């Protein structure tokens, strides 16, 4: 018997990890695809996902650089 409620995801939807995995695996799919029209579609989707990932990576980097260090707080 299975439960109707979904369990926890291995990668949280909408997270930076989801976008990293999506970009990675879709880039592999692009290399393997033989049909030029499908490659074009994958490439466009990949560009969109990569742009979103880049924005998320910048936001993540800002969080790390804006975080005060414990030595600066004591001064």
C-alpha atoms as a PDB file:
ATOM      1  CA  UNK A   1       0.000   0.000   0.000  1.00  0.00           C
ATOM      2  CA  UNK A   2       1.363   3.417  -0.886  1.00  0.00           C
ATOM      3  CA  UNK A   3       0.702   6.698   0.822  1.00  0.00           C
ATOM      4  CA  UNK A   4      -0.876   9.454  -1.308  1.00  0.00           C
ATOM      5  CA  UNK A   5       1.187  12.250   0.261  1.00  0.00           C
ATOM      6  CA  UNK A   6       4.472  12.978  -1.463  1.00  0.00           C
ATOM      7  CA  UNK A   7       7.626  12.341   0.506  1.00  0.00           C
ATOM      8  CA  UNK A   8      10.607  14.641   0.860  1.00  0.00           C
ATOM      9  CA  UNK A   9      12.466  15.398  -2.336  1.00  0.00           C
ATOM     10  CA  UNK A  10      16.125  14.495  -2.714  1.00  0.00           C
ATOM     11  CA  UNK A  11      16.684  17.998  -4.077  1.00  0.00           C
ATOM     12  CA  UNK A  12      14.341  20.781  -2.934  1.00  0.00           C
ATOM     13  CA  UNK A  13      12.292  22.155  -5.848  1.00  0.00           C
ATOM     14  CA  UNK A  14      13.354  25.640  -6.905  1.00  0.00           C
ATOM     15  CA  UNK A  15      16.635  25.413  -5.000  1.00  0.00           C
ATOM     16  CA  UNK A  16      20.083  26.280  -6.276  1.00  0.00           C
ATOM     17  CA  UNK A  17      20.884  22.556  -6.158  1.00  0.00           C
ATOM     18  CA  UNK A  18      17.972  21.772  -8.467  1.00  0.00           C
ATOM     19  CA  UNK A  19      19.245  24.308 -10.991  1.00  0.00           C
ATOM     20  CA  UNK A  20      22.814  23.004 -10.743  1.00  0.00           C
ATOM     21  CA  UNK A  21      21.643  19.465 -11.446  1.00  0.00           C
ATOM     22  CA  UNK A  22      19.315  20.606 -14.229  1.00  0.00           C
ATOM     23  CA  UNK A  23      22.049  22.547 -16.001  1.00  0.00           C
ATOM     24  CA  UNK A  24      24.476  19.657 -15.619  1.00  0.00           C
ATOM     25  CA  UNK A  25      22.178  16.924 -16.910  1.00  0.00           C
ATOM     26  CA  UNK A  26      20.663  19.013 -19.679  1.00  0.00           C
ATOM     27  CA  UNK A  27      24.156  19.869 -20.916  1.00  0.00           C
ATOM     28  CA  UNK A  28      24.832  16.134 -21.147  1.00  0.00           C
ATOM     29  CA  UNK A  29      21.585  15.686 -23.062  1.00  0.00           C
ATOM     30  CA  UNK A  30      22.646  18.426 -25.461  1.00  0.00           C
ATOM     31  CA  UNK A  31      25.894  16.602 -26.264  1.00  0.00           C
ATOM     32  CA  UNK A  32      24.064  13.314 -26.866  1.00  0.00           C
ATOM     33  CA  UNK A  33      21.197  14.674 -28.989  1.00  0.00           C
ATOM     34  CA  UNK A  34      21.534  14.048 -32.729  1.00  0.00           C
ATOM     35  CA  UNK A  35      18.475  15.934 -34.029  1.00  0.00           C
ATOM     36  CA  UNK A  36      19.422  19.591 -34.751  1.00  0.00           C
ATOM     37  CA  UNK A  37      15.942  20.919 -33.909  1.00  0.00           C
ATOM     38  CA  UNK A  38      15.946  19.146 -30.555  1.00  0.00           C
ATOM     39  CA  UNK A  39      19.487  20.372 -29.866  1.00  0.00           C
ATOM     40  CA  UNK A  40      18.318  23.931 -30.534  1.00  0.00           C
ATOM     41  CA  UNK A  41      15.415  23.512 -28.115  1.00  0.00           C
ATOM     42  CA  UNK A  42      17.645  22.003 -25.430  1.00  0.00           C
ATOM     43  CA  UNK A  43      20.214  24.767 -25.946  1.00  0.00           C
ATOM     44  CA  UNK A  44      17.574  27.490 -25.481  1.00  0.00           C
ATOM     45  CA  UNK A  45      16.222  25.840 -22.342  1.00  0.00           C
ATOM     46  CA  UNK A  46      19.748  25.323 -21.071  1.00  0.00           C
ATOM     47  CA  UNK A  47      20.545  29.007 -21.606  1.00  0.00           C
ATOM     48  CA  UNK A  48      17.471  29.995 -19.587  1.00  0.00           C
ATOM     49  CA  UNK A  49      18.310  27.616 -16.742  1.00  0.00           C
ATOM     50  CA  UNK A  50      21.959  28.682 -16.763  1.00  0.00           C
ATOM     51  CA  UNK A  51      20.969  32.361 -16.550  1.00  0.00           C
ATOM     52  CA  UNK A  52      18.711  31.634 -13.572  1.00  0.00           C
ATOM     53  CA  UNK A  53      21.462  29.577 -11.954  1.00  0.00           C
ATOM     54  CA  UNK A  54      23.941  32.415 -12.465  1.00  0.00           C
ATOM     55  CA  UNK A  55      21.608  34.818 -10.640  1.00  0.00           C
ATOM     56  CA  UNK A  56      21.197  32.324  -7.809  1.00  0.00           C
ATOM     57  CA  UNK A  57      24.972  31.825  -7.581  1.00  0.00           C
ATOM     58  CA  UNK A  58      25.509  35.597  -7.364  1.00  0.00           C
ATOM     59  CA  UNK A  59      22.937  35.832  -4.577  1.00  0.00           C
ATOM     60  CA  UNK A  60      24.644  32.954  -2.754  1.00  0.00           C
ATOM     61  CA  UNK A  61      28.056  34.623  -3.122  1.00  0.00           C
ATOM     62  CA  UNK A  62      26.651  37.886  -1.740  1.00  0.00           C
ATOM     63  CA  UNK A  63      25.340  36.050   1.306  1.00  0.00           C
ATOM     64  CA  UNK A  64      28.818  34.702   1.999  1.00  0.00           C
ATOM     65  CA  UNK A  65      30.615  38.027   1.503  1.00  0.00           C
ATOM     66  CA  UNK A  66      28.090  40.070   3.477  1.00  0.00           C
ATOM     67  CA  UNK A  67      28.197  37.745   6.474  1.00  0.00           C
ATOM     68  CA  UNK A  68      30.315  39.361   9.224  1.00  0.00           C
ATOM     69  CA  UNK A  69      33.108  37.223  10.582  1.00  0.00           C
ATOM     70  CA  UNK A  70      33.307  36.436  14.272  1.00  0.00           C
ATOM     71  CA  UNK A  71      36.666  38.256  14.625  1.00  0.00           C
ATOM     72  CA  UNK A  72      35.214  41.483  13.204  1.00  0.00           C
ATOM     73  CA  UNK A  73      32.236  41.348  15.565  1.00  0.00           C
ATOM     74  CA  UNK A  74      34.518  41.249  18.621  1.00  0.00           C
ATOM     75  CA  UNK A  75      36.443  44.358  17.537  1.00  0.00           C
END
